[in-house]
Amino acid sequence: MKSYFDIEGDGGSDIVGQVTAQRAELEESLAGVRHLVAVGSGKGGVGKSTLTMALAQVLRRRGHSVALFDADFNGPCQARMAGLEETPWVPGANGLILPRRSDGLGVLSMGSVFGGDKPFDPEHGAAGHSYVWRATREFSVFGQLLAAVDWGTLDFLLLDLPPGAERTVHFADFLGPRAAFVLVTIPSDLARGVVSRSVAALEETDSPLTGYVLNMAGYYCRECDGVRPLFPEGDEILDAPLLGRVPFDPELASICDRGWPEAAALPPSAAALAGVVDRLLASPLPAAQTPPSPT
């Protein structure tokens, strides 16, 4: 059996050619996407997916053309939040047709393909050793889907990333300077410590870190029309720009569980979400040379 050191060159795999070809396909597919924004967090359970959907709703209502790519293959939830669980993927003349709601929001999610109780399990030839292939296969599928979809002309493509500091930096390495990153944390010293690892890791990549959102910064009390404490006071500061503090809103959680109705009014936490969008739009985001939609 040959060892790694016995292999000459690329072993005949033409890996450089494959990567170059995939990069070209990605550039062509994303040519009409002006801003690519990846929403991540080193910590799970911080409300990242709910926040991503809410930000998409605020952007859309301001007149921006927006789509979501649910990159969390093992925990896809954006299809359900958008009410597109039963919408199949259909090939078109220029690639996969992006599933859209009638209000124009496009969502690509494994939740439209697999049931909520089925894990993403890429085929591999190493029974009992799936960990060897999982990361490689996940990014292979991610790249293939990103290149295969007909995204059309968009102002924003939001990527809902899976949790994990190391996975966040892997996506940054894959996407490069084309994508801006927004991290999500909560007012917890434990969460802040974990997410700070993502901040430090992103500093070693070419992807700009636009800032972070402090989610669940208190909870919105409908009876008193105010924000009440939810977590003990602690050190909430990360070494990155703060885009805003968003309170936990039971109404927002309920809307996402049901599938966000297209005619639903924004919940009371919308003012905080609007502030996040204001700061995001004012940030120096990487941009393709694509004409923006009228706002």
C-alpha atoms as a PDB file:
ATOM      1  CA  MET A   1       0.000   0.000   0.000  1.00  0.00           C
ATOM      2  CA  LYS A   2       1.357   3.412  -0.967  1.00  0.00           C
ATOM      3  CA  SER A   3       1.864   6.046   1.674  1.00  0.00           C
ATOM      4  CA  TYR A   4       1.189   9.727   1.220  1.00  0.00           C
ATOM      5  CA  PHE A   5       4.868  10.316   0.480  1.00  0.00           C
ATOM      6  CA  ASP A   6       4.840   7.771  -2.366  1.00  0.00           C
ATOM      7  CA  ILE A   7       2.334   9.809  -4.379  1.00  0.00           C
ATOM      8  CA  GLU A   8       3.866  11.971  -7.081  1.00  0.00           C
ATOM      9  CA  GLY A   9       2.290  15.337  -7.871  1.00  0.00           C
ATOM     10  CA  ASP A  10      -1.496  15.188  -7.495  1.00  0.00           C
ATOM     11  CA  GLY A  11      -1.636  11.453  -8.064  1.00  0.00           C
ATOM     12  CA  GLY A  12      -3.435  11.984 -11.351  1.00  0.00           C
ATOM     13  CA  SER A  13      -6.448  13.630  -9.719  1.00  0.00           C
ATOM     14  CA  ASP A  14      -6.002  17.016 -11.469  1.00  0.00           C
ATOM     15  CA  ILE A  15      -7.097  18.621  -8.227  1.00  0.00           C
ATOM     16  CA  VAL A  16      -5.832  22.062  -9.295  1.00  0.00           C
ATOM     17  CA  GLY A  17      -7.874  21.873 -12.483  1.00  0.00           C
ATOM     18  CA  GLN A  18     -10.957  20.782 -10.562  1.00  0.00           C
ATOM     19  CA  VAL A  19     -10.663  23.641  -8.071  1.00  0.00           C
ATOM     20  CA  THR A  20     -10.056  26.164 -10.848  1.00  0.00           C
ATOM     21  CA  ALA A  21     -13.105  24.923 -12.751  1.00  0.00           C
ATOM     22  CA  GLN A  22     -15.292  25.106  -9.635  1.00  0.00           C
ATOM     23  CA  ARG A  23     -14.120  28.671  -8.917  1.00  0.00           C
ATOM     24  CA  ALA A  24     -15.041  29.686 -12.440  1.00  0.00           C
ATOM     25  CA  GLU A  25     -18.494  28.122 -12.058  1.00  0.00           C
ATOM     26  CA  LEU A  26     -19.016  29.928  -8.734  1.00  0.00           C
ATOM     27  CA  GLU A  27     -18.003  33.279 -10.188  1.00  0.00           C
ATOM     28  CA  GLU A  28     -20.418  32.810 -13.076  1.00  0.00           C
ATOM     29  CA  SER A  29     -23.290  31.714 -10.832  1.00  0.00           C
ATOM     30  CA  LEU A  30     -22.767  34.582  -8.367  1.00  0.00           C
ATOM     31  CA  ALA A  31     -22.098  37.233 -11.005  1.00  0.00           C
ATOM     32  CA  GLY A  32     -25.526  38.792 -10.448  1.00  0.00           C
ATOM     33  CA  VAL A  33     -25.280  38.792  -6.632  1.00  0.00           C
ATOM     34  CA  ARG A  34     -24.131  42.160  -5.392  1.00  0.00           C
ATOM     35  CA  HIS A  35     -23.566  41.336  -1.694  1.00  0.00           C
ATOM     36  CA  LEU A  36     -22.782  37.910  -0.235  1.00  0.00           C
ATOM     37  CA  VAL A  37     -23.277  37.934   3.549  1.00  0.00           C
ATOM     38  CA  ALA A  38     -22.524  34.859   5.665  1.00  0.00           C
ATOM     39  CA  VAL A  39     -24.260  34.759   9.054  1.00  0.00           C
ATOM     40  CA  GLY A  40     -22.445  32.470  11.470  1.00  0.00           C
ATOM     41  CA  SER A  41     -21.558  31.817  15.073  1.00  0.00           C
ATOM     42  CA  GLY A  42     -19.102  29.660  16.905  1.00  0.00           C
ATOM     43  CA  LYS A  43     -21.954  28.755  19.271  1.00  0.00           C
ATOM     44  CA  GLY A  44     -25.144  26.874  18.528  1.00  0.00           C
ATOM     45  CA  GLY A  45     -28.505  27.873  19.989  1.00  0.00           C
ATOM     46  CA  VAL A  46     -27.995  31.626  19.669  1.00  0.00           C
ATOM     47  CA  GLY A  47     -30.908  32.176  17.267  1.00  0.00           C
ATOM     48  CA  LYS A  48     -28.748  32.588  14.177  1.00  0.00           C
ATOM     49  CA  SER A  49     -31.233  31.100  11.690  1.00  0.00           C
ATOM     50  CA  THR A  50     -34.181  33.076  13.076  1.00  0.00           C
ATOM     51  CA  LEU A  51     -32.121  36.260  12.939  1.00  0.00           C
ATOM     52  CA  THR A  52     -31.042  35.536   9.352  1.00  0.00           C
ATOM     53  CA  MET A  53     -34.649  35.112   8.233  1.00  0.00           C
ATOM     54  CA  ALA A  54     -35.701  38.262  10.094  1.00  0.00           C
ATOM     55  CA  LEU A  55     -32.908  40.304   8.489  1.00  0.00           C
ATOM     56  CA  ALA A  56     -33.961  38.993   5.066  1.00  0.00           C
ATOM     57  CA  GLN A  57     -37.518  40.144   5.770  1.00  0.00           C
ATOM     58  CA  VAL A  58     -36.392  43.642   6.773  1.00  0.00           C
ATOM     59  CA  LEU A  59     -34.128  43.942   3.724  1.00  0.00           C
ATOM     60  CA  ARG A  60     -36.890  42.736   1.402  1.00  0.00           C
ATOM     61  CA  ARG A  61     -39.416  45.209   2.811  1.00  0.00           C
ATOM     62  CA  ARG A  62     -36.960  47.993   2.061  1.00  0.00           C
ATOM     63  CA  GLY A  63     -37.042  47.054  -1.588  1.00  0.00           C
ATOM     64  CA  HIS A  64     -33.924  44.908  -1.822  1.00  0.00           C
ATOM     65  CA  SER A  65     -33.941  41.652  -3.762  1.00  0.00           C
ATOM     66  CA  VAL A  66     -32.937  38.947  -1.281  1.00  0.00           C
ATOM     67  CA  ALA A  67     -32.336  35.206  -1.203  1.00  0.00           C
ATOM     68  CA  LEU A  68     -31.265  32.779   1.530  1.00  0.00           C
ATOM     69  CA  PHE A  69     -28.991  29.755   1.229  1.00  0.00           C
ATOM     70  CA  ASP A  70     -29.425  27.386   4.160  1.00  0.00           C
ATOM     71  CA  ALA A  71     -25.871  26.011   4.432  1.00  0.00           C
ATOM     72  CA  ASP A  72     -26.641  24.027   7.600  1.00  0.00           C
ATOM     73  CA  PHE A  73     -27.301  20.713   5.849  1.00  0.00           C
ATOM     74  CA  ASN A  74     -27.828  18.742   9.057  1.00  0.00           C
ATOM     75  CA  GLY A  75     -30.103  21.293  10.698  1.00  0.00           C
ATOM     76  CA  PRO A  76     -31.914  22.973   7.800  1.00  0.00           C
ATOM     77  CA  CYS A  77     -34.812  25.130   8.935  1.00  0.00           C
ATOM     78  CA  GLN A  78     -35.071  28.003   6.460  1.00  0.00           C
ATOM     79  CA  ALA A  79     -37.477  26.095   4.177  1.00  0.00           C
ATOM     80  CA  ARG A  80     -39.902  25.724   7.073  1.00  0.00           C
ATOM     81  CA  MET A  81     -39.487  29.334   8.170  1.00  0.00           C
ATOM     82  CA  ALA A  82     -40.258  30.465   4.633  1.00  0.00           C
ATOM     83  CA  GLY A  83     -43.145  28.032   4.127  1.00  0.00           C
ATOM     84  CA  LEU A  84     -41.316  26.295   1.263  1.00  0.00           C
ATOM     85  CA  GLU A  85     -40.963  22.795   2.688  1.00  0.00           C
ATOM     86  CA  GLU A  86     -43.130  21.309  -0.049  1.00  0.00           C
ATOM     87  CA  THR A  87     -41.472  23.229  -2.887  1.00  0.00           C
ATOM     88  CA  PRO A  88     -39.310  20.877  -5.004  1.00  0.00           C
ATOM     89  CA  TRP A  89     -36.061  21.810  -6.684  1.00  0.00           C
ATOM     90  CA  VAL A  90     -36.638  22.107 -10.432  1.00  0.00           C
ATOM     91  CA  PRO A  91     -33.947  22.407 -13.134  1.00  0.00           C
ATOM     92  CA  GLY A  92     -34.155  25.357 -15.500  1.00  0.00           C
ATOM     93  CA  ALA A  93     -32.326  26.613 -18.556  1.00  0.00           C
ATOM     94  CA  ASN A  94     -29.578  28.272 -16.463  1.00  0.00           C
ATOM     95  CA  GLY A  95     -29.422  25.915 -13.488  1.00  0.00           C
ATOM     96  CA  LEU A  96     -31.671  25.018 -10.583  1.00  0.00           C
ATOM     97  CA  ILE A  97     -34.636  27.354 -10.329  1.00  0.00           C
ATOM     98  CA  LEU A  98     -34.485  29.133  -6.986  1.00  0.00           C
ATOM     99  CA  PRO A  99     -37.614  28.335  -4.913  1.00  0.00           C
ATOM    100  CA  ARG A 100     -39.387  31.617  -4.218  1.00  0.00           C
ATOM    101  CA  ARG A 101     -42.316  32.876  -2.243  1.00  0.00           C
ATOM    102  CA  SER A 102     -44.817  35.093  -3.988  1.00  0.00           C
ATOM    103  CA  ASP A 103     -43.289  38.103  -2.175  1.00  0.00           C
ATOM    104  CA  GLY A 104     -40.016  37.455  -4.034  1.00  0.00           C
ATOM    105  CA  LEU A 105     -37.916  35.980  -1.220  1.00  0.00           C
ATOM    106  CA  GLY A 106     -35.871  33.047  -2.544  1.00  0.00           C
ATOM    107  CA  VAL A 107     -34.785  30.206  -0.246  1.00  0.00           C
ATOM    108  CA  LEU A 108     -32.593  27.214  -1.031  1.00  0.00           C
ATOM    109  CA  SER A 109     -32.656  24.702   1.820  1.00  0.00           C
ATOM    110  CA  MET A 110     -32.174  20.971   2.244  1.00  0.00           C
ATOM    111  CA  GLY A 111     -35.421  21.207   4.210  1.00  0.00           C
ATOM    112  CA  SER A 112     -37.226  21.267   0.853  1.00  0.00           C
ATOM    113  CA  VAL A 113     -35.603  17.962  -0.134  1.00  0.00           C
ATOM    114  CA  PHE A 114     -35.350  15.918   3.060  1.00  0.00           C
ATOM    115  CA  GLY A 115     -37.885  15.557   5.845  1.00  0.00           C
ATOM    116  CA  GLY A 116     -37.136  17.300   9.095  1.00  0.00           C
ATOM    117  CA  ASP A 117     -36.213  14.006  10.774  1.00  0.00           C
ATOM    118  CA  LYS A 118     -33.741  12.840   8.107  1.00  0.00           C
ATOM    119  CA  PRO A 119     -30.016  13.600   8.471  1.00  0.00           C
ATOM    120  CA  PHE A 120     -27.798  14.719   5.623  1.00  0.00           C
ATOM    121  CA  ASP A 121     -25.650  11.661   4.927  1.00  0.00           C
ATOM    122  CA  PRO A 122     -23.422  11.986   1.842  1.00  0.00           C
ATOM    123  CA  GLU A 123     -22.477   8.724   0.208  1.00  0.00           C
ATOM    124  CA  HIS A 124     -19.019   7.478   1.009  1.00  0.00           C
ATOM    125  CA  GLY A 125     -17.074   4.233   0.841  1.00  0.00           C
ATOM    126  CA  ALA A 126     -15.830   4.160   4.416  1.00  0.00           C
ATOM    127  CA  ALA A 127     -18.495   2.507   6.542  1.00  0.00           C
ATOM    128  CA  GLY A 128     -17.873   3.317  10.185  1.00  0.00           C
ATOM    129  CA  HIS A 129     -15.445   6.099   9.241  1.00  0.00           C
ATOM    130  CA  SER A 130     -17.796   8.760   7.917  1.00  0.00           C
ATOM    131  CA  TYR A 131     -15.938  11.442   9.858  1.00  0.00           C
ATOM    132  CA  VAL A 132     -13.090  11.086   7.350  1.00  0.00           C
ATOM    133  CA  TRP A 133     -15.334  12.168   4.480  1.00  0.00           C
ATOM    134  CA  ARG A 134     -18.055  14.313   6.027  1.00  0.00           C
ATOM    135  CA  ALA A 135     -16.359  17.724   5.946  1.00  0.00           C
ATOM    136  CA  THR A 136     -14.998  17.161   2.454  1.00  0.00           C
ATOM    137  CA  ARG A 137     -18.349  15.976   1.119  1.00  0.00           C
ATOM    138  CA  GLU A 138     -20.277  18.770   2.846  1.00  0.00           C
ATOM    139  CA  PHE A 139     -18.148  21.456   1.232  1.00  0.00           C
ATOM    140  CA  SER A 140     -18.264  19.640  -2.069  1.00  0.00           C
ATOM    141  CA  VAL A 141     -22.072  19.682  -1.991  1.00  0.00           C
ATOM    142  CA  PHE A 142     -22.078  23.284  -0.761  1.00  0.00           C
ATOM    143  CA  GLY A 143     -19.898  24.399  -3.658  1.00  0.00           C
ATOM    144  CA  GLN A 144     -21.865  22.390  -6.197  1.00  0.00           C
ATOM    145  CA  LEU A 145     -25.193  23.840  -5.044  1.00  0.00           C
ATOM    146  CA  LEU A 146     -23.878  27.389  -4.861  1.00  0.00           C
ATOM    147  CA  ALA A 147     -22.679  27.059  -8.444  1.00  0.00           C
ATOM    148  CA  ALA A 148     -25.703  25.120  -9.730  1.00  0.00           C
ATOM    149  CA  VAL A 149     -28.484  27.531  -8.721  1.00  0.00           C
ATOM    150  CA  ASP A 150     -29.698  30.271 -11.024  1.00  0.00           C
ATOM    151  CA  TRP A 151     -29.496  33.072  -8.449  1.00  0.00           C
ATOM    152  CA  GLY A 152     -30.325  35.738 -11.006  1.00  0.00           C
ATOM    153  CA  THR A 153     -29.840  39.369  -9.975  1.00  0.00           C
ATOM    154  CA  LEU A 154     -29.822  39.894  -6.210  1.00  0.00           C
ATOM    155  CA  ASP A 155     -28.880  42.692  -3.882  1.00  0.00           C
ATOM    156  CA  PHE A 156     -28.220  40.238  -1.043  1.00  0.00           C
ATOM    157  CA  LEU A 157     -27.592  36.514  -0.771  1.00  0.00           C
ATOM    158  CA  LEU A 158     -27.579  35.581   2.923  1.00  0.00           C
ATOM    159  CA  LEU A 159     -25.848  32.345   3.903  1.00  0.00           C
ATOM    160  CA  ASP A 160     -27.135  30.694   7.083  1.00  0.00           C
ATOM    161  CA  LEU A 161     -24.045  28.792   8.278  1.00  0.00           C
ATOM    162  CA  PRO A 162     -23.885  25.804  10.644  1.00  0.00           C
ATOM    163  CA  PRO A 163     -22.471  26.447  14.144  1.00  0.00           C
ATOM    164  CA  GLY A 164     -18.841  25.878  15.056  1.00  0.00           C
ATOM    165  CA  ALA A 165     -15.837  28.188  15.111  1.00  0.00           C
ATOM    166  CA  GLU A 166     -13.786  25.889  12.893  1.00  0.00           C
ATOM    167  CA  ARG A 167     -16.630  25.525  10.383  1.00  0.00           C
ATOM    168  CA  THR A 168     -17.049  29.292  10.207  1.00  0.00           C
ATOM    169  CA  VAL A 169     -13.417  29.725   9.224  1.00  0.00           C
ATOM    170  CA  HIS A 170     -13.699  26.861   6.720  1.00  0.00           C
ATOM    171  CA  PHE A 171     -16.527  28.743   4.996  1.00  0.00           C
ATOM    172  CA  ALA A 172     -14.405  31.909   5.067  1.00  0.00           C
ATOM    173  CA  ASP A 173     -11.525  30.073   3.399  1.00  0.00           C
ATOM    174  CA  PHE A 174     -13.917  28.674   0.801  1.00  0.00           C
ATOM    175  CA  LEU A 175     -15.707  31.946   0.021  1.00  0.00           C
ATOM    176  CA  GLY A 176     -12.713  34.253   0.313  1.00  0.00           C
ATOM    177  CA  PRO A 177     -12.995  38.059   0.095  1.00  0.00           C
ATOM    178  CA  ARG A 178     -16.250  37.825  -1.873  1.00  0.00           C
ATOM    179  CA  ALA A 179     -18.241  37.265   1.350  1.00  0.00           C
ATOM    180  CA  ALA A 180     -18.714  39.468   4.386  1.00  0.00           C
ATOM    181  CA  PHE A 181     -19.284  37.735   7.721  1.00  0.00           C
ATOM    182  CA  VAL A 182     -21.751  38.645  10.456  1.00  0.00           C
ATOM    183  CA  LEU A 183     -21.480  36.716  13.726  1.00  0.00           C
ATOM    184  CA  VAL A 184     -24.263  36.158  16.244  1.00  0.00           C
ATOM    185  CA  THR A 185     -23.876  35.771  19.992  1.00  0.00           C
ATOM    186  CA  ILE A 186     -26.012  36.139  23.116  1.00  0.00           C
ATOM    187  CA  PRO A 187     -25.413  37.973  26.440  1.00  0.00           C
ATOM    188  CA  SER A 188     -23.627  35.031  28.025  1.00  0.00           C
ATOM    189  CA  ASP A 189     -19.979  34.889  29.009  1.00  0.00           C
ATOM    190  CA  LEU A 190     -19.878  31.303  27.793  1.00  0.00           C
ATOM    191  CA  ALA A 191     -21.302  32.175  24.358  1.00  0.00           C
ATOM    192  CA  ARG A 192     -19.089  35.243  24.080  1.00  0.00           C
ATOM    193  CA  GLY A 193     -16.014  33.138  24.780  1.00  0.00           C
ATOM    194  CA  VAL A 194     -16.939  30.639  22.061  1.00  0.00           C
ATOM    195  CA  VAL A 195     -17.883  33.240  19.455  1.00  0.00           C
ATOM    196  CA  SER A 196     -14.698  35.195  20.174  1.00  0.00           C
ATOM    197  CA  ARG A 197     -12.813  32.217  18.736  1.00  0.00           C
ATOM    198  CA  SER A 198     -14.645  32.757  15.450  1.00  0.00           C
ATOM    199  CA  VAL A 199     -13.683  36.446  15.572  1.00  0.00           C
ATOM    200  CA  ALA A 200     -10.013  35.556  16.052  1.00  0.00           C
ATOM    201  CA  ALA A 201     -10.122  32.859  13.384  1.00  0.00           C
ATOM    202  CA  LEU A 202     -11.721  35.166  10.796  1.00  0.00           C
ATOM    203  CA  GLU A 203      -8.905  37.660  11.291  1.00  0.00           C
ATOM    204  CA  GLU A 204      -6.595  35.078   9.717  1.00  0.00           C
ATOM    205  CA  THR A 205      -8.700  34.845   6.534  1.00  0.00           C
ATOM    206  CA  ASP A 206      -9.408  37.086   3.547  1.00  0.00           C
ATOM    207  CA  SER A 207     -13.102  37.386   4.414  1.00  0.00           C
ATOM    208  CA  PRO A 208     -14.029  40.651   6.136  1.00  0.00           C
ATOM    209  CA  LEU A 209     -15.847  40.503   9.470  1.00  0.00           C
ATOM    210  CA  THR A 210     -18.525  43.199   9.202  1.00  0.00           C
ATOM    211  CA  GLY A 211     -19.574  42.882  12.836  1.00  0.00           C
ATOM    212  CA  TYR A 212     -21.689  40.959  15.270  1.00  0.00           C
ATOM    213  CA  VAL A 213     -25.244  40.981  16.559  1.00  0.00           C
ATOM    214  CA  LEU A 214     -26.031  40.543  20.232  1.00  0.00           C
ATOM    215  CA  ASN A 215     -29.185  38.414  20.039  1.00  0.00           C
ATOM    216  CA  MET A 216     -31.580  37.729  22.925  1.00  0.00           C
ATOM    217  CA  ALA A 217     -30.460  40.965  24.558  1.00  0.00           C
ATOM    218  CA  GLY A 218     -33.366  40.863  26.989  1.00  0.00           C
ATOM    219  CA  TYR A 219     -36.872  39.848  25.963  1.00  0.00           C
ATOM    220  CA  TYR A 220     -39.710  41.923  24.615  1.00  0.00           C
ATOM    221  CA  CYS A 221     -42.563  42.154  27.112  1.00  0.00           C
ATOM    222  CA  ARG A 222     -45.833  42.763  25.294  1.00  0.00           C
ATOM    223  CA  GLU A 223     -47.712  43.645  28.508  1.00  0.00           C
ATOM    224  CA  CYS A 224     -45.318  46.455  29.427  1.00  0.00           C
ATOM    225  CA  ASP A 225     -44.180  47.262  25.863  1.00  0.00           C
ATOM    226  CA  GLY A 226     -40.561  47.174  26.936  1.00  0.00           C
ATOM    227  CA  VAL A 227     -37.470  45.003  27.078  1.00  0.00           C
ATOM    228  CA  ARG A 228     -36.857  43.047  30.284  1.00  0.00           C
ATOM    229  CA  PRO A 229     -33.632  41.295  31.381  1.00  0.00           C
ATOM    230  CA  LEU A 230     -33.139  37.748  30.156  1.00  0.00           C
ATOM    231  CA  PHE A 231     -29.503  36.953  31.018  1.00  0.00           C
ATOM    232  CA  PRO A 232     -27.378  38.126  33.952  1.00  0.00           C
ATOM    233  CA  GLU A 233     -25.313  41.181  33.135  1.00  0.00           C
ATOM    234  CA  GLY A 234     -21.851  40.294  31.872  1.00  0.00           C
ATOM    235  CA  ASP A 235     -19.129  41.200  29.423  1.00  0.00           C
ATOM    236  CA  GLU A 236     -20.951  41.397  26.089  1.00  0.00           C
ATOM    237  CA  ILE A 237     -18.196  43.002  24.036  1.00  0.00           C
ATOM    238  CA  LEU A 238     -16.407  41.211  21.194  1.00  0.00           C
ATOM    239  CA  ASP A 239     -13.441  42.546  19.270  1.00  0.00           C
ATOM    240  CA  ALA A 240     -15.601  43.540  16.298  1.00  0.00           C
ATOM    241  CA  PRO A 241     -18.159  46.247  15.443  1.00  0.00           C
ATOM    242  CA  LEU A 242     -21.493  45.811  17.209  1.00  0.00           C
ATOM    243  CA  LEU A 243     -24.292  45.928  14.630  1.00  0.00           C
ATOM    244  CA  GLY A 244     -27.066  45.936  17.207  1.00  0.00           C
ATOM    245  CA  ARG A 245     -28.819  44.371  20.178  1.00  0.00           C
ATOM    246  CA  VAL A 246     -31.947  42.367  19.376  1.00  0.00           C
ATOM    247  CA  PRO A 247     -34.306  41.237  22.174  1.00  0.00           C
ATOM    248  CA  PHE A 248     -35.889  37.806  22.259  1.00  0.00           C
ATOM    249  CA  ASP A 249     -39.394  38.197  20.877  1.00  0.00           C
ATOM    250  CA  PRO A 250     -41.865  35.336  21.493  1.00  0.00           C
ATOM    251  CA  GLU A 251     -43.952  36.541  18.556  1.00  0.00           C
ATOM    252  CA  LEU A 252     -40.960  36.319  16.210  1.00  0.00           C
ATOM    253  CA  ALA A 253     -40.226  32.782  17.418  1.00  0.00           C
ATOM    254  CA  SER A 254     -43.852  31.792  16.843  1.00  0.00           C
ATOM    255  CA  ILE A 255     -43.893  33.287  13.328  1.00  0.00           C
ATOM    256  CA  CYS A 256     -40.772  31.319  12.361  1.00  0.00           C
ATOM    257  CA  ASP A 257     -42.183  28.071  13.783  1.00  0.00           C
ATOM    258  CA  ARG A 258     -45.359  28.465  11.720  1.00  0.00           C
ATOM    259  CA  GLY A 259     -43.596  29.583   8.557  1.00  0.00           C
ATOM    260  CA  TRP A 260     -43.412  33.346   8.164  1.00  0.00           C
ATOM    261  CA  PRO A 261     -46.693  34.446   6.516  1.00  0.00           C
ATOM    262  CA  GLU A 262     -46.005  36.646   3.542  1.00  0.00           C
ATOM    263  CA  ALA A 263     -48.458  39.285   4.681  1.00  0.00           C
ATOM    264  CA  ALA A 264     -47.413  39.187   8.349  1.00  0.00           C
ATOM    265  CA  ALA A 265     -46.480  42.463   9.944  1.00  0.00           C
ATOM    266  CA  LEU A 266     -43.035  42.754  11.437  1.00  0.00           C
ATOM    267  CA  PRO A 267     -42.986  41.893  15.172  1.00  0.00           C
ATOM    268  CA  PRO A 268     -42.241  44.460  17.914  1.00  0.00           C
ATOM    269  CA  SER A 269     -38.529  43.600  17.770  1.00  0.00           C
ATOM    270  CA  ALA A 270     -38.472  45.034  14.226  1.00  0.00           C
ATOM    271  CA  ALA A 271     -37.059  48.337  15.450  1.00  0.00           C
ATOM    272  CA  ALA A 272     -33.931  46.589  16.717  1.00  0.00           C
ATOM    273  CA  LEU A 273     -33.701  44.548  13.500  1.00  0.00           C
ATOM    274  CA  ALA A 274     -34.005  47.734  11.452  1.00  0.00           C
ATOM    275  CA  GLY A 275     -31.050  49.163  13.357  1.00  0.00           C
ATOM    276  CA  VAL A 276     -28.957  46.111  12.491  1.00  0.00           C
ATOM    277  CA  VAL A 277     -29.864  46.500   8.817  1.00  0.00           C
ATOM    278  CA  ASP A 278     -29.009  50.224   8.920  1.00  0.00           C
ATOM    279  CA  ARG A 279     -25.512  49.450  10.216  1.00  0.00           C
ATOM    280  CA  LEU A 280     -25.092  46.561   7.795  1.00  0.00           C
ATOM    281  CA  LEU A 281     -25.970  48.772   4.824  1.00  0.00           C
ATOM    282  CA  ALA A 282     -23.621  51.471   6.088  1.00  0.00           C
ATOM    283  CA  SER A 283     -20.733  48.997   6.325  1.00  0.00           C
ATOM    284  CA  PRO A 284     -18.115  48.626   3.553  1.00  0.00           C
ATOM    285  CA  LEU A 285     -19.450  45.323   2.211  1.00  0.00           C
ATOM    286  CA  PRO A 286     -17.652  43.540  -0.628  1.00  0.00           C
ATOM    287  CA  ALA A 287     -19.713  44.088  -3.753  1.00  0.00           C
ATOM    288  CA  ALA A 288     -19.952  42.677  -7.241  1.00  0.00           C
ATOM    289  CA  GLN A 289     -20.504  45.210  -9.988  1.00  0.00           C
ATOM    290  CA  THR A 290     -24.240  44.533 -10.166  1.00  0.00           C
ATOM    291  CA  PRO A 291     -26.891  47.252 -10.466  1.00  0.00           C
ATOM    292  CA  PRO A 292     -28.859  47.339  -7.183  1.00  0.00           C
ATOM    293  CA  SER A 293     -32.621  47.119  -7.001  1.00  0.00           C
ATOM    294  CA  PRO A 294     -34.429  50.421  -6.397  1.00  0.00           C
ATOM    295  CA  THR A 295     -35.040  51.094  -2.708  1.00  0.00           C
END
